Amino acid sequence: LVSIWFVHATLLYLTEHRDERIDLELTMKERFHDIPSTLHYSLVHLTGDFPINRYLLSAKMFLMPFISIGLVAFATFTGIFSSGFVNYLSREREAELLEKAERRVGASLQG
C-alpha cells in the first residue's frame, strides 16, 4: 500500500510540477514542487476523493487507474479489519451468553 502511494505521488509530481496554471490561488508548480509535498495530495486521491483541480490530461490519464487501485487496496484492508472486528464481537457475545447461561443453571441448582 505504501509503495502504491509513493509511486502515485511520484507520477503525479512528474506530470504536474512544471504546470504554471493557477488553481485555487496556487500554481500546480507551487503545489507540486517536490515529491514530499505531493504525498498528501496523492493520499487524498488514493482514498477516493478527487479534489476539483485543473490537472493536465497526462495527469488525468494515470490518476484514474491509480484511484481505482487505491480504492481496492483500502477496501481490502478495511474488509480485513472489519472481519476481524466482527469475529471478535461475535466471540465476546458468545462468551457473554455462555456466562449468563452458567449463572442461570447455577442459580437453579442452588434454589
PDB file of N, CA and C in Angstrom:
ATOM      1  N   LEU A   1       0.825  -1.192   0.000  1.00  0.00           N
ATOM      2  CA  LEU A   1       0.000   0.000   0.000  1.00  0.00           C
ATOM      3  C   LEU A   1       0.871   1.258   0.000  1.00  0.00           C
ATOM      4  N   VAL A   2       1.923   1.242   0.798  1.00  0.00           N
ATOM      5  CA  VAL A   2       2.826   2.393   0.841  1.00  0.00           C
ATOM      6  C   VAL A   2       3.540   2.561  -0.496  1.00  0.00           C
ATOM      7  N   SER A   3       3.893   1.453  -1.120  1.00  0.00           N
ATOM      8  CA  SER A   3       4.569   1.556  -2.419  1.00  0.00           C
ATOM      9  C   SER A   3       3.632   2.145  -3.474  1.00  0.00           C
ATOM     10  N   ILE A   4       2.356   1.775  -3.441  1.00  0.00           N
ATOM     11  CA  ILE A   4       1.376   2.366  -4.359  1.00  0.00           C
ATOM     12  C   ILE A   4       1.310   3.871  -4.132  1.00  0.00           C
ATOM     13  N   TRP A   5       1.307   4.264  -2.867  1.00  0.00           N
ATOM     14  CA  TRP A   5       1.233   5.680  -2.510  1.00  0.00           C
ATOM     15  C   TRP A   5       2.430   6.454  -3.069  1.00  0.00           C
ATOM     16  N   PHE A   6       3.642   5.913  -2.881  1.00  0.00           N
ATOM     17  CA  PHE A   6       4.835   6.614  -3.353  1.00  0.00           C
ATOM     18  C   PHE A   6       4.924   6.641  -4.878  1.00  0.00           C
ATOM     19  N   VAL A   7       4.549   5.564  -5.526  1.00  0.00           N
ATOM     20  CA  VAL A   7       4.556   5.552  -6.996  1.00  0.00           C
ATOM     21  C   VAL A   7       3.543   6.562  -7.520  1.00  0.00           C
ATOM     22  N   HIS A   8       2.366   6.585  -6.927  1.00  0.00           N
ATOM     23  CA  HIS A   8       1.330   7.534  -7.341  1.00  0.00           C
ATOM     24  C   HIS A   8       1.806   8.973  -7.144  1.00  0.00           C
ATOM     25  N   ALA A   9       2.389   9.268  -5.996  1.00  0.00           N
ATOM     26  CA  ALA A   9       2.879  10.624  -5.723  1.00  0.00           C
ATOM     27  C   ALA A   9       3.977  11.019  -6.706  1.00  0.00           C
ATOM     28  N   THR A  10       4.861  10.090  -7.009  1.00  0.00           N
ATOM     29  CA  THR A  10       5.942  10.383  -7.949  1.00  0.00           C
ATOM     30  C   THR A  10       5.397  10.682  -9.338  1.00  0.00           C
ATOM     31  N   LEU A  11       4.455   9.878  -9.795  1.00  0.00           N
ATOM     32  CA  LEU A  11       3.868  10.120 -11.115  1.00  0.00           C
ATOM     33  C   LEU A  11       3.079  11.425 -11.148  1.00  0.00           C
ATOM     34  N   LEU A  12       2.373  11.728 -10.076  1.00  0.00           N
ATOM     35  CA  LEU A  12       1.641  12.992 -10.006  1.00  0.00           C
ATOM     36  C   LEU A  12       2.614  14.169 -10.053  1.00  0.00           C
ATOM     37  N   TYR A  13       3.700  14.058  -9.328  1.00  0.00           N
ATOM     38  CA  TYR A  13       4.733  15.102  -9.352  1.00  0.00           C
ATOM     39  C   TYR A  13       5.304  15.259 -10.763  1.00  0.00           C
ATOM     40  N   LEU A  14       5.643  14.142 -11.402  1.00  0.00           N
ATOM     41  CA  LEU A  14       6.256  14.208 -12.732  1.00  0.00           C
ATOM     42  C   LEU A  14       5.330  14.828 -13.769  1.00  0.00           C
ATOM     43  N   THR A  15       4.038  14.641 -13.621  1.00  0.00           N
ATOM     44  CA  THR A  15       3.110  15.197 -14.608  1.00  0.00           C
ATOM     45  C   THR A  15       2.708  16.634 -14.307  1.00  0.00           C
ATOM     46  N   GLU A  16       2.819  17.078 -13.072  1.00  0.00           N
ATOM     47  CA  GLU A  16       2.292  18.395 -12.715  1.00  0.00           C
ATOM     48  C   GLU A  16       3.318  19.421 -12.254  1.00  0.00           C
ATOM     49  N   HIS A  17       4.554  19.062 -11.992  1.00  0.00           N
ATOM     50  CA  HIS A  17       5.486  20.014 -11.376  1.00  0.00           C
ATOM     51  C   HIS A  17       5.940  21.149 -12.293  1.00  0.00           C
ATOM     52  N   ARG A  18       5.647  21.083 -13.568  1.00  0.00           N
ATOM     53  CA  ARG A  18       6.010  22.170 -14.490  1.00  0.00           C
ATOM     54  C   ARG A  18       4.805  23.001 -14.924  1.00  0.00           C
ATOM     55  N   ASP A  19       3.640  22.665 -14.446  1.00  0.00           N
ATOM     56  CA  ASP A  19       2.411  23.337 -14.873  1.00  0.00           C
ATOM     57  C   ASP A  19       2.297  24.707 -14.198  1.00  0.00           C
ATOM     58  N   GLU A  20       2.206  25.760 -14.985  1.00  0.00           N
ATOM     59  CA  GLU A  20       2.148  27.133 -14.473  1.00  0.00           C
ATOM     60  C   GLU A  20       0.719  27.650 -14.295  1.00  0.00           C
ATOM     61  N   ARG A  21      -0.286  26.843 -14.618  1.00  0.00           N
ATOM     62  CA  ARG A  21      -1.668  27.316 -14.482  1.00  0.00           C
ATOM     63  C   ARG A  21      -2.024  27.506 -13.014  1.00  0.00           C
ATOM     64  N   ILE A  22      -2.801  28.537 -12.730  1.00  0.00           N
ATOM     65  CA  ILE A  22      -3.215  28.833 -11.357  1.00  0.00           C
ATOM     66  C   ILE A  22      -4.520  28.107 -11.069  1.00  0.00           C
ATOM     67  N   ASP A  23      -4.557  27.455  -9.922  1.00  0.00           N
ATOM     68  CA  ASP A  23      -5.763  26.759  -9.474  1.00  0.00           C
ATOM     69  C   ASP A  23      -5.883  26.972  -7.971  1.00  0.00           C
ATOM     70  N   LEU A  24      -6.943  27.613  -7.541  1.00  0.00           N
ATOM     71  CA  LEU A  24      -7.174  27.918  -6.125  1.00  0.00           C
ATOM     72  C   LEU A  24      -5.991  28.677  -5.513  1.00  0.00           C
ATOM     73  N   GLU A  25      -5.595  29.747  -6.167  1.00  0.00           N
ATOM     74  CA  GLU A  25      -4.562  30.684  -5.720  1.00  0.00           C
ATOM     75  C   GLU A  25      -3.132  30.135  -5.750  1.00  0.00           C
ATOM     76  N   LEU A  26      -2.931  28.934  -6.214  1.00  0.00           N
ATOM     77  CA  LEU A  26      -1.588  28.362  -6.342  1.00  0.00           C
ATOM     78  C   LEU A  26      -1.411  27.825  -7.751  1.00  0.00           C
ATOM     79  N   THR A  27      -0.186  27.914  -8.242  1.00  0.00           N
ATOM     80  CA  THR A  27       0.076  27.210  -9.492  1.00  0.00           C
ATOM     81  C   THR A  27       0.338  25.748  -9.149  1.00  0.00           C
ATOM     82  N   MET A  28       0.147  24.906 -10.108  1.00  0.00           N
ATOM     83  CA  MET A  28       0.436  23.489  -9.876  1.00  0.00           C
ATOM     84  C   MET A  28       1.925  23.309  -9.579  1.00  0.00           C
ATOM     85  N   LYS A  29       2.754  24.165 -10.158  1.00  0.00           N
ATOM     86  CA  LYS A  29       4.196  24.108  -9.899  1.00  0.00           C
ATOM     87  C   LYS A  29       4.483  24.387  -8.427  1.00  0.00           C
ATOM     88  N   GLU A  30       3.760  25.330  -7.825  1.00  0.00           N
ATOM     89  CA  GLU A  30       3.927  25.620  -6.396  1.00  0.00           C
ATOM     90  C   GLU A  30       3.364  24.491  -5.535  1.00  0.00           C
ATOM     91  N   ARG A  31       2.245  23.953  -5.952  1.00  0.00           N
ATOM     92  CA  ARG A  31       1.590  22.893  -5.184  1.00  0.00           C
ATOM     93  C   ARG A  31       2.395  21.599  -5.206  1.00  0.00           C
ATOM     94  N   PHE A  32       2.947  21.266  -6.351  1.00  0.00           N
ATOM     95  CA  PHE A  32       3.688  20.013  -6.520  1.00  0.00           C
ATOM     96  C   PHE A  32       5.173  20.306  -6.738  1.00  0.00           C
ATOM     97  N   HIS A  33       5.785  21.068  -5.838  1.00  0.00           N
ATOM     98  CA  HIS A  33       7.175  21.479  -6.046  1.00  0.00           C
ATOM     99  C   HIS A  33       8.187  20.379  -5.742  1.00  0.00           C
ATOM    100  N   ASP A  34       7.810  19.363  -4.978  1.00  0.00           N
ATOM    101  CA  ASP A  34       8.670  18.201  -4.766  1.00  0.00           C
ATOM    102  C   ASP A  34       7.786  17.004  -4.401  1.00  0.00           C
ATOM    103  N   ILE A  35       8.387  15.838  -4.373  1.00  0.00           N
ATOM    104  CA  ILE A  35       7.598  14.623  -4.120  1.00  0.00           C
ATOM    105  C   ILE A  35       6.997  14.608  -2.718  1.00  0.00           C
ATOM    106  N   PRO A  36       7.731  14.987  -1.667  1.00  0.00           N
ATOM    107  CA  PRO A  36       7.090  15.001  -0.341  1.00  0.00           C
ATOM    108  C   PRO A  36       5.871  15.929  -0.260  1.00  0.00           C
ATOM    109  N   SER A  37       5.903  17.054  -0.965  1.00  0.00           N
ATOM    110  CA  SER A  37       4.732  17.939  -0.947  1.00  0.00           C
ATOM    111  C   SER A  37       3.571  17.337  -1.730  1.00  0.00           C
ATOM    112  N   THR A  38       3.865  16.401  -2.597  1.00  0.00           N
ATOM    113  CA  THR A  38       2.833  15.753  -3.398  1.00  0.00           C
ATOM    114  C   THR A  38       2.181  14.589  -2.656  1.00  0.00           C
ATOM    115  N   LEU A  39       2.825  14.078  -1.618  1.00  0.00           N
ATOM    116  CA  LEU A  39       2.322  12.887  -0.925  1.00  0.00           C
ATOM    117  C   LEU A  39       0.915  13.071  -0.359  1.00  0.00           C
ATOM    118  N   HIS A  40       0.630  14.214   0.257  1.00  0.00           N
ATOM    119  CA  HIS A  40      -0.700  14.343   0.852  1.00  0.00           C
ATOM    120  C   HIS A  40      -1.786  14.477  -0.209  1.00  0.00           C
ATOM    121  N   TYR A  41      -1.485  15.117  -1.347  1.00  0.00           N
ATOM    122  CA  TYR A  41      -2.458  15.155  -2.444  1.00  0.00           C
ATOM    123  C   TYR A  41      -2.690  13.743  -2.984  1.00  0.00           C
ATOM    124  N   SER A  42      -1.625  12.991  -3.082  1.00  0.00           N
ATOM    125  CA  SER A  42      -1.719  11.620  -3.562  1.00  0.00           C
ATOM    126  C   SER A  42      -2.573  10.765  -2.628  1.00  0.00           C
ATOM    127  N   LEU A  43      -2.363  10.926  -1.332  1.00  0.00           N
ATOM    128  CA  LEU A  43      -3.143  10.152  -0.363  1.00  0.00           C
ATOM    129  C   LEU A  43      -4.628  10.481  -0.458  1.00  0.00           C
ATOM    130  N   VAL A  44      -4.939  11.743  -0.671  1.00  0.00           N
ATOM    131  CA  VAL A  44      -6.343  12.147  -0.842  1.00  0.00           C
ATOM    132  C   VAL A  44      -6.938  11.429  -2.046  1.00  0.00           C
ATOM    133  N   HIS A  45      -6.193  11.380  -3.134  1.00  0.00           N
ATOM    134  CA  HIS A  45      -6.687  10.696  -4.331  1.00  0.00           C
ATOM    135  C   HIS A  45      -6.865   9.200  -4.091  1.00  0.00           C
ATOM    136  N   LEU A  46      -5.904   8.580  -3.450  1.00  0.00           N
ATOM    137  CA  LEU A  46      -5.953   7.128  -3.258  1.00  0.00           C
ATOM    138  C   LEU A  46      -7.069   6.694  -2.318  1.00  0.00           C
ATOM    139  N   THR A  47      -7.531   7.580  -1.457  1.00  0.00           N
ATOM    140  CA  THR A  47      -8.636   7.223  -0.565  1.00  0.00           C
ATOM    141  C   THR A  47      -9.988   7.494  -1.198  1.00  0.00           C
ATOM    142  N   GLY A  48     -10.001   7.951  -2.440  1.00  0.00           N
ATOM    143  CA  GLY A  48     -11.253   8.057  -3.166  1.00  0.00           C
ATOM    144  C   GLY A  48     -11.748   9.458  -3.416  1.00  0.00           C
ATOM    145  N   ASP A  49     -11.122  10.454  -2.840  1.00  0.00           N
ATOM    146  CA  ASP A  49     -11.548  11.824  -3.084  1.00  0.00           C
ATOM    147  C   ASP A  49     -10.802  12.346  -4.302  1.00  0.00           C
ATOM    148  N   PHE A  50     -11.475  13.103  -5.102  1.00  0.00           N
ATOM    149  CA  PHE A  50     -10.828  13.692  -6.272  1.00  0.00           C
ATOM    150  C   PHE A  50     -11.108  15.178  -6.234  1.00  0.00           C
ATOM    151  N   PRO A  51     -10.207  15.956  -5.594  1.00  0.00           N
ATOM    152  CA  PRO A  51     -10.448  17.390  -5.473  1.00  0.00           C
ATOM    153  C   PRO A  51     -10.580  18.051  -6.839  1.00  0.00           C
ATOM    154  N   ILE A  52     -11.320  19.106  -6.861  1.00  0.00           N
ATOM    155  CA  ILE A  52     -11.535  19.800  -8.126  1.00  0.00           C
ATOM    156  C   ILE A  52     -10.299  20.633  -8.432  1.00  0.00           C
ATOM    157  N   ASN A  53      -9.438  20.086  -9.236  1.00  0.00           N
ATOM    158  CA  ASN A  53      -8.224  20.757  -9.698  1.00  0.00           C
ATOM    159  C   ASN A  53      -8.177  20.653 -11.201  1.00  0.00           C
ATOM    160  N   ARG A  54      -7.492  21.567 -11.802  1.00  0.00           N
ATOM    161  CA  ARG A  54      -7.344  21.542 -13.254  1.00  0.00           C
ATOM    162  C   ARG A  54      -6.061  20.806 -13.615  1.00  0.00           C
ATOM    163  N   TYR A  55      -6.122  19.505 -13.598  1.00  0.00           N
ATOM    164  CA  TYR A  55      -4.951  18.703 -13.932  1.00  0.00           C
ATOM    165  C   TYR A  55      -4.751  18.655 -15.439  1.00  0.00           C
ATOM    166  N   LEU A  56      -3.521  18.434 -15.818  1.00  0.00           N
ATOM    167  CA  LEU A  56      -3.213  18.206 -17.221  1.00  0.00           C
ATOM    168  C   LEU A  56      -3.804  16.867 -17.647  1.00  0.00           C
ATOM    169  N   LEU A  57      -4.004  16.701 -18.934  1.00  0.00           N
ATOM    170  CA  LEU A  57      -4.562  15.449 -19.446  1.00  0.00           C
ATOM    171  C   LEU A  57      -3.672  14.265 -19.081  1.00  0.00           C
ATOM    172  N   SER A  58      -2.357  14.456 -19.139  1.00  0.00           N
ATOM    173  CA  SER A  58      -1.448  13.354 -18.791  1.00  0.00           C
ATOM    174  C   SER A  58      -1.637  12.929 -17.337  1.00  0.00           C
ATOM    175  N   ALA A  59      -1.876  13.876 -16.444  1.00  0.00           N
ATOM    176  CA  ALA A  59      -2.118  13.537 -15.038  1.00  0.00           C
ATOM    177  C   ALA A  59      -3.443  12.811 -14.884  1.00  0.00           C
ATOM    178  N   LYS A  60      -4.460  13.262 -15.584  1.00  0.00           N
ATOM    179  CA  LYS A  60      -5.775  12.609 -15.501  1.00  0.00           C
ATOM    180  C   LYS A  60      -5.712  11.168 -16.001  1.00  0.00           C
ATOM    181  N   MET A  61      -4.881  10.941 -17.018  1.00  0.00           N
ATOM    182  CA  MET A  61      -4.790   9.603 -17.604  1.00  0.00           C
ATOM    183  C   MET A  61      -4.258   8.575 -16.610  1.00  0.00           C
ATOM    184  N   PHE A  62      -3.328   8.960 -15.753  1.00  0.00           N
ATOM    185  CA  PHE A  62      -2.828   7.986 -14.790  1.00  0.00           C
ATOM    186  C   PHE A  62      -3.535   8.091 -13.446  1.00  0.00           C
ATOM    187  N   LEU A  63      -4.175   9.223 -13.152  1.00  0.00           N
ATOM    188  CA  LEU A  63      -4.873   9.357 -11.873  1.00  0.00           C
ATOM    189  C   LEU A  63      -6.043   8.380 -11.760  1.00  0.00           C
ATOM    190  N   MET A  64      -6.807   8.235 -12.800  1.00  0.00           N
ATOM    191  CA  MET A  64      -7.998   7.380 -12.732  1.00  0.00           C
ATOM    192  C   MET A  64      -7.668   5.917 -12.418  1.00  0.00           C
ATOM    193  N   PRO A  65      -6.732   5.285 -13.118  1.00  0.00           N
ATOM    194  CA  PRO A  65      -6.407   3.900 -12.742  1.00  0.00           C
ATOM    195  C   PRO A  65      -5.832   3.796 -11.334  1.00  0.00           C
ATOM    196  N   PHE A  66      -5.014   4.772 -10.941  1.00  0.00           N
ATOM    197  CA  PHE A  66      -4.436   4.723  -9.599  1.00  0.00           C
ATOM    198  C   PHE A  66      -5.490   4.940  -8.526  1.00  0.00           C
ATOM    199  N   ILE A  67      -6.486   5.761  -8.801  1.00  0.00           N
ATOM    200  CA  ILE A  67      -7.569   5.932  -7.833  1.00  0.00           C
ATOM    201  C   ILE A  67      -8.302   4.605  -7.661  1.00  0.00           C
ATOM    202  N   SER A  68      -8.536   3.902  -8.753  1.00  0.00           N
ATOM    203  CA  SER A  68      -9.178   2.583  -8.662  1.00  0.00           C
ATOM    204  C   SER A  68      -8.324   1.608  -7.863  1.00  0.00           C
ATOM    205  N   ILE A  69      -7.032   1.586  -8.131  1.00  0.00           N
ATOM    206  CA  ILE A  69      -6.123   0.698  -7.394  1.00  0.00           C
ATOM    207  C   ILE A  69      -6.120   1.061  -5.917  1.00  0.00           C
ATOM    208  N   GLY A  70      -6.069   2.351  -5.620  1.00  0.00           N
ATOM    209  CA  GLY A  70      -6.074   2.802  -4.229  1.00  0.00           C
ATOM    210  C   GLY A  70      -7.347   2.426  -3.502  1.00  0.00           C
ATOM    211  N   LEU A  71      -8.482   2.588  -4.173  1.00  0.00           N
ATOM    212  CA  LEU A  71      -9.752   2.221  -3.543  1.00  0.00           C
ATOM    213  C   LEU A  71      -9.820   0.729  -3.261  1.00  0.00           C
ATOM    214  N   VAL A  72      -9.356  -0.072  -4.199  1.00  0.00           N
ATOM    215  CA  VAL A  72      -9.345  -1.525  -3.990  1.00  0.00           C
ATOM    216  C   VAL A  72      -8.434  -1.887  -2.819  1.00  0.00           C
ATOM    217  N   ALA A  73      -7.263  -1.268  -2.758  1.00  0.00           N
ATOM    218  CA  ALA A  73      -6.328  -1.565  -1.665  1.00  0.00           C
ATOM    219  C   ALA A  73      -6.910  -1.158  -0.315  1.00  0.00           C
ATOM    220  N   PHE A  74      -7.458   0.045  -0.225  1.00  0.00           N
ATOM    221  CA  PHE A  74      -8.041   0.491   1.040  1.00  0.00           C
ATOM    222  C   PHE A  74      -9.267  -0.339   1.404  1.00  0.00           C
ATOM    223  N   ALA A  75     -10.073  -0.704   0.420  1.00  0.00           N
ATOM    224  CA  ALA A  75     -11.251  -1.527   0.698  1.00  0.00           C
ATOM    225  C   ALA A  75     -10.845  -2.908   1.194  1.00  0.00           C
ATOM    226  N   THR A  76      -9.776  -3.455   0.644  1.00  0.00           N
ATOM    227  CA  THR A  76      -9.291  -4.762   1.090  1.00  0.00           C
ATOM    228  C   THR A  76      -8.870  -4.714   2.550  1.00  0.00           C
ATOM    229  N   PHE A  77      -8.061  -3.718   2.910  1.00  0.00           N
ATOM    230  CA  PHE A  77      -7.619  -3.602   4.302  1.00  0.00           C
ATOM    231  C   PHE A  77      -8.785  -3.295   5.238  1.00  0.00           C
ATOM    232  N   THR A  78      -9.725  -2.495   4.785  1.00  0.00           N
ATOM    233  CA  THR A  78     -10.906  -2.200   5.596  1.00  0.00           C
ATOM    234  C   THR A  78     -11.730  -3.461   5.808  1.00  0.00           C
ATOM    235  N   GLY A  79     -11.881  -4.272   4.768  1.00  0.00           N
ATOM    236  CA  GLY A  79     -12.617  -5.528   4.888  1.00  0.00           C
ATOM    237  C   GLY A  79     -11.952  -6.500   5.840  1.00  0.00           C
ATOM    238  N   ILE A  80     -10.638  -6.597   5.765  1.00  0.00           N
ATOM    239  CA  ILE A  80      -9.906  -7.486   6.675  1.00  0.00           C
ATOM    240  C   ILE A  80     -10.080  -7.020   8.112  1.00  0.00           C
ATOM    241  N   PHE A  81      -9.919  -5.729   8.355  1.00  0.00           N
ATOM    242  CA  PHE A  81     -10.085  -5.178   9.700  1.00  0.00           C
ATOM    243  C   PHE A  81     -11.513  -5.390  10.196  1.00  0.00           C
ATOM    244  N   SER A  82     -12.494  -5.118   9.352  1.00  0.00           N
ATOM    245  CA  SER A  82     -13.898  -5.277   9.739  1.00  0.00           C
ATOM    246  C   SER A  82     -14.224  -6.723  10.067  1.00  0.00           C
ATOM    247  N   SER A  83     -13.716  -7.640   9.267  1.00  0.00           N
ATOM    248  CA  SER A  83     -13.962  -9.058   9.504  1.00  0.00           C
ATOM    249  C   SER A  83     -13.395  -9.488  10.850  1.00  0.00           C
ATOM    250  N   GLY A  84     -12.191  -9.055  11.150  1.00  0.00           N
ATOM    251  CA  GLY A  84     -11.593  -9.373  12.446  1.00  0.00           C
ATOM    252  C   GLY A  84     -12.386  -8.785  13.592  1.00  0.00           C
ATOM    253  N   PHE A  85     -12.866  -7.567  13.425  1.00  0.00           N
ATOM    254  CA  PHE A  85     -13.643  -6.915  14.472  1.00  0.00           C
ATOM    255  C   PHE A  85     -14.977  -7.629  14.687  1.00  0.00           C
ATOM    256  N   VAL A  86     -15.633  -8.024  13.605  1.00  0.00           N
ATOM    257  CA  VAL A  86     -16.902  -8.756  13.711  1.00  0.00           C
ATOM    258  C   VAL A  86     -16.677 -10.096  14.397  1.00  0.00           C
ATOM    259  N   ASN A  87     -15.596 -10.795  14.051  1.00  0.00           N
ATOM    260  CA  ASN A  87     -15.284 -12.067  14.715  1.00  0.00           C
ATOM    261  C   ASN A  87     -15.035 -11.869  16.200  1.00  0.00           C
ATOM    262  N   TYR A  88     -14.318 -10.818  16.554  1.00  0.00           N
ATOM    263  CA  TYR A  88     -14.060 -10.507  17.966  1.00  0.00           C
ATOM    264  C   TYR A  88     -15.372 -10.249  18.704  1.00  0.00           C
ATOM    265  N   LEU A  89     -16.235  -9.428  18.125  1.00  0.00           N
ATOM    266  CA  LEU A  89     -17.518  -9.132  18.770  1.00  0.00           C
ATOM    267  C   LEU A  89     -18.377 -10.385  18.898  1.00  0.00           C
ATOM    268  N   SER A  90     -18.326 -11.250  17.895  1.00  0.00           N
ATOM    269  CA  SER A  90     -19.086 -12.493  17.937  1.00  0.00           C
ATOM    270  C   SER A  90     -18.607 -13.386  19.078  1.00  0.00           C
ATOM    271  N   ARG A  91     -17.296 -13.514  19.228  1.00  0.00           N
ATOM    272  CA  ARG A  91     -16.753 -14.323  20.328  1.00  0.00           C
ATOM    273  C   ARG A  91     -17.098 -13.715  21.684  1.00  0.00           C
ATOM    274  N   GLU A  92     -17.030 -12.401  21.797  1.00  0.00           N
ATOM    275  CA  GLU A  92     -17.378 -11.728  23.052  1.00  0.00           C
ATOM    276  C   GLU A  92     -18.849 -11.958  23.393  1.00  0.00           C
ATOM    277  N   ARG A  93     -19.704 -11.838  22.403  1.00  0.00           N
ATOM    278  CA  ARG A  93     -21.146 -12.039  22.615  1.00  0.00           C
ATOM    279  C   ARG A  93     -21.421 -13.489  23.016  1.00  0.00           C
ATOM    280  N   GLU A  94     -20.757 -14.419  22.359  1.00  0.00           N
ATOM    281  CA  GLU A  94     -20.924 -15.836  22.682  1.00  0.00           C
ATOM    282  C   GLU A  94     -20.469 -16.120  24.110  1.00  0.00           C
ATOM    283  N   ALA A  95     -19.341 -15.562  24.516  1.00  0.00           N
ATOM    284  CA  ALA A  95     -18.842 -15.758  25.884  1.00  0.00           C
ATOM    285  C   ALA A  95     -19.802 -15.145  26.901  1.00  0.00           C
ATOM    286  N   GLU A  96     -20.364 -14.000  26.571  1.00  0.00           N
ATOM    287  CA  GLU A  96     -21.326 -13.341  27.460  1.00  0.00           C
ATOM    288  C   GLU A  96     -22.589 -14.187  27.624  1.00  0.00           C
ATOM    289  N   LEU A  97     -23.094 -14.737  26.530  1.00  0.00           N
ATOM    290  CA  LEU A  97     -24.286 -15.586  26.602  1.00  0.00           C
ATOM    291  C   LEU A  97     -24.004 -16.865  27.382  1.00  0.00           C
ATOM    292  N   LEU A  98     -22.826 -17.445  27.198  1.00  0.00           N
ATOM    293  CA  LEU A  98     -22.443 -18.649  27.927  1.00  0.00           C
ATOM    294  C   LEU A  98     -22.359 -18.362  29.421  1.00  0.00           C
ATOM    295  N   GLU A  99     -21.801 -17.221  29.777  1.00  0.00           N
ATOM    296  CA  GLU A  99     -21.700 -16.839  31.185  1.00  0.00           C
ATOM    297  C   GLU A  99     -23.088 -16.651  31.810  1.00  0.00           C
ATOM    298  N   LYS A 100     -23.998 -16.018  31.081  1.00  0.00           N
ATOM    299  CA  LYS A 100     -25.368 -15.843  31.582  1.00  0.00           C
ATOM    300  C   LYS A 100     -26.053 -17.193  31.775  1.00  0.00           C
ATOM    301  N   ALA A 101     -25.847 -18.107  30.820  1.00  0.00           N
ATOM    302  CA  ALA A 101     -26.460 -19.432  30.920  1.00  0.00           C
ATOM    303  C   ALA A 101     -25.902 -20.193  32.120  1.00  0.00           C
ATOM    304  N   GLU A 102     -24.597 -20.082  32.349  1.00  0.00           N
ATOM    305  CA  GLU A 102     -23.994 -20.754  33.508  1.00  0.00           C
ATOM    306  C   GLU A 102     -24.538 -20.189  34.812  1.00  0.00           C
ATOM    307  N   ARG A 103     -24.751 -18.872  34.857  1.00  0.00           N
ATOM    308  CA  ARG A 103     -25.316 -18.268  36.073  1.00  0.00           C
ATOM    309  C   ARG A 103     -26.740 -18.757  36.319  1.00  0.00           C
ATOM    310  N   ARG A 104     -27.526 -18.875  35.250  1.00  0.00           N
ATOM    311  CA  ARG A 104     -28.909 -19.356  35.390  1.00  0.00           C
ATOM    312  C   ARG A 104     -28.939 -20.796  35.883  1.00  0.00           C
ATOM    313  N   VAL A 105     -28.065 -21.631  35.291  1.00  0.00           N
ATOM    314  CA  VAL A 105     -28.014 -23.035  35.706  1.00  0.00           C
ATOM    315  C   VAL A 105     -27.558 -23.126  37.157  1.00  0.00           C
ATOM    316  N   GLY A 106     -26.538 -22.347  37.524  1.00  0.00           N
ATOM    317  CA  GLY A 106     -26.054 -22.344  38.902  1.00  0.00           C
ATOM    318  C   GLY A 106     -27.118 -21.866  39.870  1.00  0.00           C
ATOM    319  N   ALA A 107     -27.882 -20.845  39.494  1.00  0.00           N
ATOM    320  CA  ALA A 107     -28.941 -20.316  40.362  1.00  0.00           C
ATOM    321  C   ALA A 107     -30.070 -21.326  40.508  1.00  0.00           C
ATOM    322  N   SER A 108     -30.400 -22.048  39.428  1.00  0.00           N
ATOM    323  CA  SER A 108     -31.489 -23.024  39.518  1.00  0.00           C
ATOM    324  C   SER A 108     -31.078 -24.244  40.341  1.00  0.00           C
ATOM    325  N   LEU A 109     -29.787 -24.605  40.303  1.00  0.00           N
ATOM    326  CA  LEU A 109     -29.322 -25.732  41.104  1.00  0.00           C
ATOM    327  C   LEU A 109     -29.270 -25.376  42.590  1.00  0.00           C
ATOM    328  N   GLN A 110     -28.980 -24.128  42.917  1.00  0.00           N
ATOM    329  CA  GLN A 110     -28.915 -23.695  44.313  1.00  0.00           C
ATOM    330  C   GLN A 110     -30.305 -23.454  44.885  1.00  0.00           C
ATOM    331  N   GLY A 111     -31.236 -23.045  44.045  1.00  0.00           N
ATOM    332  CA  GLY A 111     -32.561 -22.638  44.520  1.00  0.00           C
ATOM    333  C   GLY A 111     -33.504 -23.752  44.573  1.00  0.00           C
TER     334      GLY A 111
END
